[in-house]
Amino acid sequence: MMNESKQRYDLYIDMPSTGLIKAARAVLLKSSAQLIQMAFLYTPEYRSHEGAFAPGPVQLPLTDREINLQCSGGMPSVKGCFVSGNEQGSFIEANN
């Protein structure tokens, strides 16, 4: 029997153009301690913000749809520092 678990995270972006804002919610699905899927959904507040952008435009385009990524035991990169235009910012996670 497989042991499945879900971890939920609120993801915040902190940029000069956006300020600190809750940008998305991510849910990680693990099976037998291996990450198998990540669901990612931008918040309506972030999507409607004039400074909103997609920190990962290929895998995480700015959309109102839930994005589901299949994982092979590794975590998609959605955390850390990034550059958008001339600004540097960070993704901050809060575990729920």
C-alpha atoms as a PDB file:
ATOM      1  CA  MET A   1       0.000   0.000   0.000  1.00  0.00           C
ATOM      2  CA  MET A   2       1.342   3.419  -0.973  1.00  0.00           C
ATOM      3  CA  ASN A   3       1.601   6.074   1.685  1.00  0.00           C
ATOM      4  CA  GLU A   4       0.405   9.373   0.134  1.00  0.00           C
ATOM      5  CA  SER A   5       0.631  12.797   1.757  1.00  0.00           C
ATOM      6  CA  LYS A   6      -0.067  16.399   0.731  1.00  0.00           C
ATOM      7  CA  GLN A   7       1.795  19.506   1.831  1.00  0.00           C
ATOM      8  CA  ARG A   8       0.236  22.923   1.244  1.00  0.00           C
ATOM      9  CA  TYR A   9       2.214  26.145   0.861  1.00  0.00           C
ATOM     10  CA  ASP A  10       1.289  29.787   0.431  1.00  0.00           C
ATOM     11  CA  LEU A  11       3.865  31.480  -1.807  1.00  0.00           C
ATOM     12  CA  TYR A  12       4.593  35.178  -1.467  1.00  0.00           C
ATOM     13  CA  ILE A  13       6.507  37.451  -3.840  1.00  0.00           C
ATOM     14  CA  ASP A  14       8.415  40.448  -2.510  1.00  0.00           C
ATOM     15  CA  MET A  15       9.455  42.875  -5.261  1.00  0.00           C
ATOM     16  CA  PRO A  16       9.712  46.668  -5.368  1.00  0.00           C
ATOM     17  CA  SER A  17       6.931  46.717  -8.013  1.00  0.00           C
ATOM     18  CA  THR A  18       4.562  44.435  -6.059  1.00  0.00           C
ATOM     19  CA  GLY A  19       5.542  44.748  -2.419  1.00  0.00           C
ATOM     20  CA  LEU A  20       4.985  41.650  -0.326  1.00  0.00           C
ATOM     21  CA  ILE A  21       1.970  39.861  -1.818  1.00  0.00           C
ATOM     22  CA  LYS A  22       0.543  36.347  -1.628  1.00  0.00           C
ATOM     23  CA  ALA A  23       1.136  35.219  -5.189  1.00  0.00           C
ATOM     24  CA  ALA A  24       0.111  31.580  -5.257  1.00  0.00           C
ATOM     25  CA  ARG A  25      -0.794  28.411  -3.446  1.00  0.00           C
ATOM     26  CA  ALA A  26       1.073  25.182  -4.078  1.00  0.00           C
ATOM     27  CA  VAL A  27       0.163  21.649  -3.066  1.00  0.00           C
ATOM     28  CA  LEU A  28       2.804  18.925  -3.158  1.00  0.00           C
ATOM     29  CA  LEU A  29       1.704  15.303  -3.444  1.00  0.00           C
ATOM     30  CA  LYS A  30       4.107  12.672  -2.168  1.00  0.00           C
ATOM     31  CA  SER A  31       3.834   8.926  -2.452  1.00  0.00           C
ATOM     32  CA  SER A  32       6.130   6.704  -0.406  1.00  0.00           C
ATOM     33  CA  ALA A  33       8.219   9.805   0.487  1.00  0.00           C
ATOM     34  CA  GLN A  34       8.769  10.689  -3.215  1.00  0.00           C
ATOM     35  CA  LEU A  35       7.362  13.883  -4.727  1.00  0.00           C
ATOM     36  CA  ILE A  36       5.089  12.872  -7.603  1.00  0.00           C
ATOM     37  CA  GLN A  37       3.022  15.991  -8.407  1.00  0.00           C
ATOM     38  CA  MET A  38       2.786  19.711  -7.706  1.00  0.00           C
ATOM     39  CA  ALA A  39      -0.377  21.773  -8.157  1.00  0.00           C
ATOM     40  CA  PHE A  40       0.141  25.547  -8.435  1.00  0.00           C
ATOM     41  CA  LEU A  41      -2.498  28.298  -8.559  1.00  0.00           C
ATOM     42  CA  TYR A  42      -1.926  32.065  -8.679  1.00  0.00           C
ATOM     43  CA  THR A  43      -4.166  34.139  -6.395  1.00  0.00           C
ATOM     44  CA  PRO A  44      -6.709  36.493  -8.022  1.00  0.00           C
ATOM     45  CA  GLU A  45      -5.131  39.414  -6.120  1.00  0.00           C
ATOM     46  CA  TYR A  46      -1.714  38.682  -7.598  1.00  0.00           C
ATOM     47  CA  ARG A  47      -2.981  38.085 -11.141  1.00  0.00           C
ATOM     48  CA  SER A  48      -4.802  41.440 -11.118  1.00  0.00           C
ATOM     49  CA  HIS A  49      -1.830  43.378  -9.677  1.00  0.00           C
ATOM     50  CA  GLU A  50      -0.264  45.711 -12.251  1.00  0.00           C
ATOM     51  CA  GLY A  51       3.224  44.447 -11.337  1.00  0.00           C
ATOM     52  CA  ALA A  52       2.330  40.739 -11.619  1.00  0.00           C
ATOM     53  CA  PHE A  53       4.594  38.521 -13.695  1.00  0.00           C
ATOM     54  CA  ALA A  54       5.294  34.807 -14.062  1.00  0.00           C
ATOM     55  CA  PRO A  55       8.458  33.929 -12.113  1.00  0.00           C
ATOM     56  CA  GLY A  56       8.707  30.734 -14.169  1.00  0.00           C
ATOM     57  CA  PRO A  57       7.094  31.659 -17.505  1.00  0.00           C
ATOM     58  CA  VAL A  58       7.713  28.273 -19.136  1.00  0.00           C
ATOM     59  CA  GLN A  59       6.422  25.991 -16.354  1.00  0.00           C
ATOM     60  CA  LEU A  60       4.366  28.562 -14.415  1.00  0.00           C
ATOM     61  CA  PRO A  61       2.724  30.971 -16.880  1.00  0.00           C
ATOM     62  CA  LEU A  62       0.567  33.690 -15.339  1.00  0.00           C
ATOM     63  CA  THR A  63      -2.906  32.150 -15.698  1.00  0.00           C
ATOM     64  CA  ASP A  64      -6.127  31.736 -13.755  1.00  0.00           C
ATOM     65  CA  ARG A  65      -5.979  27.956 -14.223  1.00  0.00           C
ATOM     66  CA  GLU A  66      -4.407  25.468 -11.863  1.00  0.00           C
ATOM     67  CA  ILE A  67      -1.048  24.255 -13.141  1.00  0.00           C
ATOM     68  CA  ASN A  68      -0.214  20.607 -12.475  1.00  0.00           C
ATOM     69  CA  LEU A  69       3.363  19.432 -12.838  1.00  0.00           C
ATOM     70  CA  GLN A  70       4.374  15.793 -12.745  1.00  0.00           C
ATOM     71  CA  CYS A  71       7.549  15.305 -10.721  1.00  0.00           C
ATOM     72  CA  SER A  72      10.121  12.539 -10.784  1.00  0.00           C
ATOM     73  CA  GLY A  73      11.127  12.743  -7.153  1.00  0.00           C
ATOM     74  CA  GLY A  74      12.422  16.313  -7.469  1.00  0.00           C
ATOM     75  CA  MET A  75      10.888  19.659  -6.522  1.00  0.00           C
ATOM     76  CA  PRO A  76      10.140  22.116  -9.337  1.00  0.00           C
ATOM     77  CA  SER A  77      12.070  25.313  -8.716  1.00  0.00           C
ATOM     78  CA  VAL A  78       9.584  27.912  -7.425  1.00  0.00           C
ATOM     79  CA  LYS A  79      11.464  29.176  -4.413  1.00  0.00           C
ATOM     80  CA  GLY A  80      14.364  31.540  -4.010  1.00  0.00           C
ATOM     81  CA  CYS A  81      15.542  34.698  -5.712  1.00  0.00           C
ATOM     82  CA  PHE A  82      14.836  35.771  -9.270  1.00  0.00           C
ATOM     83  CA  VAL A  83      15.137  38.763 -11.584  1.00  0.00           C
ATOM     84  CA  SER A  84      12.267  40.384 -13.481  1.00  0.00           C
ATOM     85  CA  GLY A  85      13.240  43.244 -15.751  1.00  0.00           C
ATOM     86  CA  ASN A  86      15.593  45.423 -13.717  1.00  0.00           C
ATOM     87  CA  GLU A  87      14.234  44.236 -10.353  1.00  0.00           C
ATOM     88  CA  GLN A  88      15.414  41.480  -8.075  1.00  0.00           C
ATOM     89  CA  GLY A  89      12.937  39.762  -5.780  1.00  0.00           C
ATOM     90  CA  SER A  90      12.259  36.656  -3.815  1.00  0.00           C
ATOM     91  CA  PHE A  91       9.684  33.926  -3.458  1.00  0.00           C
ATOM     92  CA  ILE A  92       8.849  33.270   0.169  1.00  0.00           C
ATOM     93  CA  GLU A  93       6.967  30.141   1.225  1.00  0.00           C
ATOM     94  CA  ALA A  94       4.718  29.673   4.211  1.00  0.00           C
ATOM     95  CA  ASN A  95       3.834  26.101   5.091  1.00  0.00           C
ATOM     96  CA  ASN A  96       0.128  25.511   5.859  1.00  0.00           C
END
